Amino acid sequence: MRFTRLAKLAATAVMAGAATLMAPAAAQAAVPVGGATPVLVGGVAGCTITAAGYDAAGIPVAFTAAHCSDRINVPVILRDNQGAGVIGTVATRNEILDYSVIRLDPGVAFPVRQAGVVGRAPAPQFGDVVCKDGLSTGHTCGITWQREGDRFWSHACAGYGDSGGPITRDGRLVGLVSGGHMPPAAGAAGSLGPVLPSCLHPAQSPFFLPALGYSFDAIVADATARNWPGSGFQMA
């Protein structure tokens, strides 16, 4: 029996539709993750990625602040692209240096270097001007007030959501944003700590809590000494 022209067209359309239904859905392309990328840890806590790259085992990882979660194995998603799915999970965390290592899912995310960052450098000293990037207050810069061991305080504006954000000096990554805190050497001025606000916007008055940061070199050294995920970290 011969098909009429109309029947042929209908049959062709049905077969094409069936082929479309049977064809597997195209996989979503992996998304880039790097320093200053805004994330939601546990689907709730808004934080910022410090840097992303590969550890000594060749596993893609990223760093953020430990206080963004209270445990490991917590899923992490992109704040601005939640449809991409879970980009990784918190693999380990250190509350003393306030860092977490996120093991990235290579099928969902891949590490990239933050634009303008050319490498790493030691933590800043008094008088050094540093800049930070974060989810809430964006790119801001300020003078370093104090350095004490692996931590330092600067007047780069940082607020809620900036936690984990990269702190840079002259284009080199030097630290991770931890939070607002008066430095120990503040003396009598330290009593203002409980009443000074966090920096909510770069244009607010200059009276706000200095931003506490931790040396990124010290963070990588700690993860390496413990043979944790992130050991021997190299930026993408």
Protein backbone atom coordinates (compact mmCIF):
# COMPACT_ATOMS: atom_id res chain seq x y z
CA MET A 1 0.00 0.00 0.00
CA ARG A 2 1.30 3.39 -0.94
CA PHE A 3 1.35 6.36 1.46
CA THR A 4 -0.30 9.52 0.29
CA ARG A 5 1.82 12.69 0.47
CA LEU A 6 -0.02 13.84 3.61
CA ALA A 7 0.40 10.46 5.27
CA LYS A 8 4.09 10.48 4.45
CA LEU A 9 4.52 13.90 6.07
CA ALA A 10 2.58 12.80 9.14
CA ALA A 11 4.60 9.61 9.47
CA THR A 12 7.83 11.56 9.11
CA ALA A 13 6.74 13.99 11.84
CA VAL A 14 5.78 11.16 14.20
CA MET A 15 9.07 9.34 13.65
CA ALA A 16 11.03 12.56 14.15
CA GLY A 17 9.16 13.20 17.38
CA ALA A 18 9.82 9.67 18.57
CA ALA A 19 13.51 10.05 17.77
CA THR A 20 13.58 13.26 19.79
CA LEU A 21 11.96 11.56 22.76
CA MET A 22 14.37 8.63 22.58
CA ALA A 23 17.48 10.81 22.21
CA PRO A 24 19.26 11.50 25.52
CA ALA A 25 19.04 15.04 26.85
CA ALA A 26 22.11 17.12 26.15
CA ALA A 27 24.34 17.30 29.21
CA GLN A 28 24.62 20.74 30.77
CA ALA A 29 28.06 22.23 30.30
CA ALA A 30 30.25 22.41 33.40
CA VAL A 31 30.37 25.84 35.02
CA PRO A 32 33.49 27.82 36.02
CA VAL A 33 34.30 28.32 39.70
CA GLY A 34 37.08 30.60 40.92
CA GLY A 35 38.07 33.27 43.40
CA ALA A 36 35.18 35.67 44.20
CA THR A 37 32.50 33.23 42.96
CA PRO A 38 29.40 33.59 45.21
CA VAL A 39 28.10 30.29 46.61
CA LEU A 40 25.45 28.91 48.93
CA VAL A 41 26.84 26.36 51.37
CA GLY A 42 24.23 23.89 52.49
CA GLY A 43 21.83 25.78 50.24
CA VAL A 44 21.57 28.51 52.88
CA ALA A 45 24.81 30.23 53.90
CA GLY A 46 25.87 32.84 51.36
CA CYS A 47 29.67 32.89 51.12
CA THR A 48 32.44 33.54 48.61
CA ILE A 49 35.11 31.32 47.07
CA THR A 50 38.71 32.25 47.91
CA ALA A 51 40.38 30.38 45.05
CA ALA A 52 39.96 27.24 42.98
CA GLY A 53 42.43 24.86 41.41
CA TYR A 54 43.84 21.39 41.94
CA ASP A 55 45.41 19.66 44.92
CA ALA A 56 48.44 17.35 44.85
CA ALA A 57 46.23 14.42 43.87
CA GLY A 58 44.96 16.32 40.83
CA ILE A 59 41.48 16.70 42.33
CA PRO A 60 39.63 19.96 41.57
CA VAL A 61 39.03 21.88 44.80
CA ALA A 62 38.02 25.32 46.02
CA PHE A 63 38.41 27.14 49.33
CA THR A 64 35.98 29.21 51.40
CA ALA A 65 35.47 30.06 55.09
CA ALA A 66 34.95 27.24 57.60
CA HIS A 67 32.17 29.09 59.40
CA CYS A 68 30.04 28.88 56.25
CA SER A 69 29.11 25.37 57.45
CA ASP A 70 29.28 23.51 60.75
CA ARG A 71 30.23 20.11 59.32
CA ILE A 72 31.68 18.34 56.30
CA ASN A 73 29.83 16.65 53.40
CA VAL A 74 27.63 19.72 53.00
CA PRO A 75 26.57 20.45 49.39
CA VAL A 76 27.61 23.69 47.71
CA ILE A 77 25.74 25.41 44.88
CA LEU A 78 26.30 28.60 42.92
CA ARG A 79 24.34 31.52 44.30
CA ASP A 80 23.81 33.05 40.86
CA ASN A 81 23.25 29.81 38.94
CA GLN A 82 21.45 27.39 41.23
CA GLY A 83 20.17 25.46 38.24
CA ALA A 84 23.70 24.17 37.65
CA GLY A 85 23.18 21.86 40.61
CA VAL A 86 25.59 20.84 43.35
CA ILE A 87 29.07 21.93 42.26
CA GLY A 88 30.79 20.08 45.10
CA THR A 89 30.76 19.23 48.80
CA VAL A 90 32.71 20.44 51.83
CA ALA A 91 35.47 17.85 52.21
CA THR A 92 37.24 19.24 55.27
CA ARG A 93 37.33 22.34 57.47
CA ASN A 94 39.59 24.00 60.03
CA GLU A 95 37.95 26.42 62.44
CA ILE A 96 41.27 27.76 63.77
CA LEU A 97 42.29 29.17 60.38
CA ASP A 98 38.63 29.43 59.35
CA TYR A 99 38.88 27.60 56.04
CA SER A 100 36.97 24.85 54.29
CA VAL A 101 38.02 22.83 51.27
CA ILE A 102 35.30 22.06 48.74
CA ARG A 103 35.86 19.01 46.55
CA LEU A 104 34.42 20.05 43.18
CA ASP A 105 32.40 17.67 41.02
CA PRO A 106 34.28 17.71 37.68
CA GLY A 107 31.09 16.83 35.85
CA VAL A 108 29.44 20.01 37.10
CA ALA A 109 32.18 22.57 37.75
CA PHE A 110 35.75 23.30 36.77
CA PRO A 111 38.30 25.59 38.47
CA VAL A 112 39.36 28.91 36.97
CA ARG A 113 41.69 31.62 38.22
CA GLN A 114 40.18 34.90 39.36
CA ALA A 115 40.69 37.63 36.79
CA GLY A 116 43.62 39.86 37.67
CA VAL A 117 45.22 37.41 40.11
CA VAL A 118 48.72 36.42 38.99
CA GLY A 119 49.77 34.23 41.91
CA ARG A 120 50.11 34.05 45.69
CA ALA A 121 52.09 36.05 48.24
CA PRO A 122 52.64 36.06 52.02
CA ALA A 123 50.17 37.79 54.33
CA PRO A 124 50.39 41.60 54.32
CA GLN A 125 52.18 43.73 56.89
CA PHE A 126 51.14 46.95 58.60
CA GLY A 127 50.57 49.69 56.04
CA ASP A 128 50.05 47.42 53.04
CA VAL A 129 46.96 48.20 51.00
CA VAL A 130 44.91 45.10 50.28
CA CYS A 131 41.71 44.50 48.33
CA LYS A 132 38.98 41.96 48.77
CA ASP A 133 36.14 40.63 46.61
CA GLY A 134 32.92 39.33 48.08
CA LEU A 135 29.30 38.45 47.49
CA SER A 136 27.90 41.39 49.48
CA THR A 137 30.19 44.37 49.08
CA GLY A 138 32.07 43.53 45.90
CA HIS A 139 35.59 44.86 45.33
CA THR A 140 36.93 47.11 48.09
CA CYS A 141 40.38 48.09 49.30
CA GLY A 142 41.90 49.38 52.53
CA ILE A 143 45.03 49.64 54.63
CA THR A 144 46.31 46.76 56.76
CA TRP A 145 46.21 47.75 60.43
CA GLN A 146 47.88 44.77 62.07
CA ARG A 147 49.47 41.39 61.37
CA GLU A 148 49.62 38.74 64.08
CA GLY A 149 50.95 35.36 63.01
CA ASP A 150 48.68 33.93 60.34
CA ARG A 151 45.94 36.53 60.73
CA PHE A 152 45.70 40.19 59.85
CA TRP A 153 43.22 43.06 60.04
CA SER A 154 42.53 45.57 57.29
CA HIS A 155 40.08 48.34 56.54
CA ALA A 156 38.90 46.76 53.31
CA CYS A 157 35.11 46.89 53.60
CA ALA A 158 33.66 43.41 54.18
CA GLY A 159 30.17 42.37 55.28
CA TYR A 160 27.95 39.33 55.64
CA GLY A 161 28.29 37.07 52.60
CA ASP A 162 31.86 38.16 51.90
CA SER A 163 33.19 35.36 54.14
CA GLY A 164 35.74 33.26 52.30
CA GLY A 165 36.37 35.99 49.75
CA PRO A 166 39.87 36.46 48.35
CA ILE A 167 42.13 39.17 49.78
CA THR A 168 44.77 40.34 47.32
CA ARG A 169 47.75 42.68 47.28
CA ASP A 170 49.24 43.87 44.01
CA GLY A 171 47.38 41.16 42.11
CA ARG A 172 48.50 38.31 44.37
CA LEU A 173 46.29 36.26 46.66
CA VAL A 174 47.33 36.81 50.28
CA GLY A 175 44.34 35.84 52.39
CA LEU A 176 40.79 34.70 53.04
CA VAL A 177 38.09 36.97 54.49
CA SER A 178 36.95 35.66 57.88
CA GLY A 179 34.82 38.47 59.33
CA GLY A 180 34.71 41.77 61.17
CA HIS A 181 36.81 41.90 64.32
CA MET A 182 38.87 44.44 66.25
CA PRO A 183 42.63 43.69 66.22
CA PRO A 184 44.29 42.89 69.57
CA ALA A 185 46.48 46.01 69.38
CA ALA A 186 43.42 48.28 69.21
CA GLY A 187 43.81 48.95 72.94
CA ALA A 188 41.05 51.14 74.35
CA ALA A 189 39.61 51.45 70.86
CA GLY A 190 38.95 47.72 71.00
CA SER A 191 36.05 48.42 73.35
CA LEU A 192 34.26 49.90 70.36
CA GLY A 193 34.21 46.49 68.70
CA PRO A 194 30.80 45.44 70.09
CA VAL A 195 29.16 48.68 68.91
CA LEU A 196 30.84 49.25 65.55
CA PRO A 197 28.79 47.95 62.61
CA SER A 198 30.01 45.61 59.93
CA CYS A 199 30.73 47.35 56.67
CA LEU A 200 27.51 47.07 54.69
CA HIS A 201 28.51 49.26 51.77
CA PRO A 202 31.81 50.80 50.63
CA ALA A 203 30.23 54.27 50.73
CA GLN A 204 29.18 54.13 54.38
CA SER A 205 31.06 56.11 57.03
CA PRO A 206 34.65 55.03 57.80
CA PHE A 207 33.57 53.80 61.22
CA PHE A 208 33.15 50.05 60.86
CA LEU A 209 34.80 46.88 62.10
CA PRO A 210 38.09 46.05 60.39
CA ALA A 211 38.01 42.88 58.31
CA LEU A 212 39.83 39.87 59.74
CA GLY A 213 41.71 37.74 57.23
CA TYR A 214 43.83 34.61 57.38
CA SER A 215 46.99 34.02 55.36
CA PHE A 216 46.22 31.85 52.36
CA ASP A 217 49.79 30.52 52.33
CA ALA A 218 49.25 29.37 55.93
CA ILE A 219 45.95 27.74 54.96
CA VAL A 220 47.51 25.73 52.13
CA ALA A 221 50.45 24.79 54.37
CA ASP A 222 48.03 23.54 57.03
CA ALA A 223 46.02 21.42 54.58
CA THR A 224 49.28 20.03 53.19
CA ALA A 225 50.71 19.18 56.62
CA ARG A 226 47.51 17.31 57.50
CA ASN A 227 47.38 15.58 54.09
CA TRP A 228 43.82 16.82 53.73
CA PRO A 229 41.93 17.58 50.53
CA GLY A 230 43.56 20.74 49.18
CA SER A 231 47.05 19.49 50.08
CA GLY A 232 49.66 20.99 47.75
CA PHE A 233 47.05 23.31 46.25
CA GLN A 234 47.84 25.05 42.98
CA MET A 235 45.56 27.72 41.55
CA ALA A 236 43.99 27.03 38.18
